[in-house]
Amino acid sequence: MKMPKNQRKYCPFCRKHTEHIVEEAKRKPRRQDTRSQRRFLRKMKGYGSFPKENPKGREKPTRKLDFRYKCTVCNKKHSIGEGFRSKKLELTKVGE
């Protein structure tokens, strides 16, 4: 999927339509201090079994893309929606 790198979008901070730079959000590791993650790590420690059946062969064929829109006027970033699925992403210049 091709997507323009610069887009005119509504900036909630400036409260008007301005030019935005589109960038894909980076993946971050899971938080290790949540209650469920602590429980999971405790179960995985030692000779214990996997707490749930291992989901092999059920992974999705595509990944969900999450975009950050950076305003060129105020330099603040915001996102719109929860993202969507696509196999490939290519950020292009407007003229191409």
Protein backbone atom coordinates (compact mmCIF):
# COMPACT_ATOMS: atom_id res chain seq x y z
CA MET A 1 0.00 0.00 0.00
CA LYS A 2 1.33 3.41 -0.94
CA MET A 3 0.62 6.37 1.30
CA PRO A 4 1.78 9.99 0.97
CA LYS A 5 4.34 11.06 3.55
CA ASN A 6 2.89 14.57 3.88
CA GLN A 7 -0.85 15.07 4.35
CA ARG A 8 -3.15 17.92 5.25
CA LYS A 9 -4.97 16.86 8.43
CA TYR A 10 -6.81 18.45 11.31
CA CYS A 11 -4.48 19.24 14.22
CA PRO A 12 -6.30 19.03 17.58
CA PHE A 13 -3.66 21.26 19.19
CA CYS A 14 -3.71 24.06 16.59
CA ARG A 15 -7.45 23.49 16.01
CA LYS A 16 -7.12 23.88 12.26
CA HIS A 17 -6.06 21.93 9.18
CA THR A 18 -2.29 21.96 8.72
CA GLU A 19 0.38 19.96 6.91
CA HIS A 20 1.33 16.76 8.77
CA ILE A 21 4.22 14.32 8.41
CA VAL A 22 3.13 10.67 8.60
CA GLU A 23 5.29 8.16 10.41
CA GLU A 24 4.70 4.61 11.57
CA ALA A 25 4.68 4.08 15.34
CA LYS A 26 7.51 1.93 16.70
CA ARG A 27 6.81 -1.36 18.47
CA LYS A 28 7.45 -1.28 22.20
CA PRO A 29 8.04 -4.25 24.52
CA ARG A 30 5.35 -5.40 26.92
CA ARG A 31 5.25 -3.96 30.40
CA GLN A 32 6.81 -6.37 32.88
CA ASP A 33 5.19 -4.93 36.02
CA THR A 34 1.53 -5.63 35.28
CA ARG A 35 -0.21 -8.20 37.42
CA SER A 36 -1.01 -10.56 34.57
CA GLN A 37 2.55 -10.37 33.18
CA ARG A 38 4.01 -11.12 36.63
CA ARG A 39 1.69 -14.13 36.91
CA PHE A 40 2.72 -15.29 33.43
CA LEU A 41 6.45 -14.97 34.19
CA ARG A 42 6.02 -16.81 37.52
CA LYS A 43 4.26 -19.66 35.70
CA MET A 44 6.99 -19.81 33.01
CA LYS A 45 9.80 -19.97 35.61
CA GLY A 46 11.26 -23.39 36.41
CA TYR A 47 9.83 -26.59 34.95
CA GLY A 48 6.22 -25.42 34.74
CA SER A 49 4.21 -25.80 31.59
CA PHE A 50 3.00 -23.07 29.26
CA PRO A 51 -0.07 -21.52 30.95
CA LYS A 52 -2.21 -21.59 27.80
CA GLU A 53 -2.07 -23.74 24.72
CA ASN A 54 0.55 -22.40 22.34
CA PRO A 55 -1.23 -20.74 19.37
CA LYS A 56 0.83 -22.15 16.48
CA GLY A 57 -0.42 -21.64 12.95
CA ARG A 58 -3.11 -19.16 13.97
CA GLU A 59 -1.19 -15.94 13.48
CA LYS A 60 -2.63 -13.23 11.28
CA PRO A 61 -1.33 -12.89 7.71
CA THR A 62 -0.97 -9.11 8.08
CA ARG A 63 0.11 -6.72 10.78
CA LYS A 64 -1.78 -3.74 12.10
CA LEU A 65 -0.29 -0.39 11.16
CA ASP A 66 -0.40 2.46 13.63
CA PHE A 67 0.38 5.96 12.37
CA ARG A 68 1.56 9.09 14.14
CA TYR A 69 0.80 12.41 12.48
CA LYS A 70 3.28 15.19 13.32
CA CYS A 71 2.07 18.75 12.78
CA THR A 72 4.60 20.95 10.98
CA VAL A 73 3.31 24.09 12.74
CA CYS A 74 3.30 23.07 16.42
CA ASN A 75 5.49 19.89 16.09
CA LYS A 76 3.09 17.83 18.22
CA LYS A 77 2.12 14.26 17.33
CA HIS A 78 -1.28 12.61 17.44
CA SER A 79 -2.85 9.44 16.09
CA ILE A 80 -6.21 8.80 14.47
CA GLY A 81 -8.16 5.61 15.11
CA GLU A 82 -6.74 2.22 16.03
CA GLY A 83 -4.85 1.49 12.81
CA PHE A 84 -5.63 -0.95 10.02
CA ARG A 85 -4.18 -4.10 8.50
CA SER A 86 -1.88 -4.11 5.50
CA LYS A 87 0.88 -6.43 4.26
CA LYS A 88 3.24 -3.73 2.97
CA LEU A 89 3.52 -0.02 3.59
CA GLU A 90 5.37 2.47 1.43
CA LEU A 91 5.46 6.13 2.43
CA THR A 92 5.89 8.16 -0.76
CA LYS A 93 6.44 11.79 -1.59
CA VAL A 94 3.45 13.70 -2.99
CA GLY A 95 4.90 14.05 -6.50
CA GLU A 96 5.49 10.31 -7.04
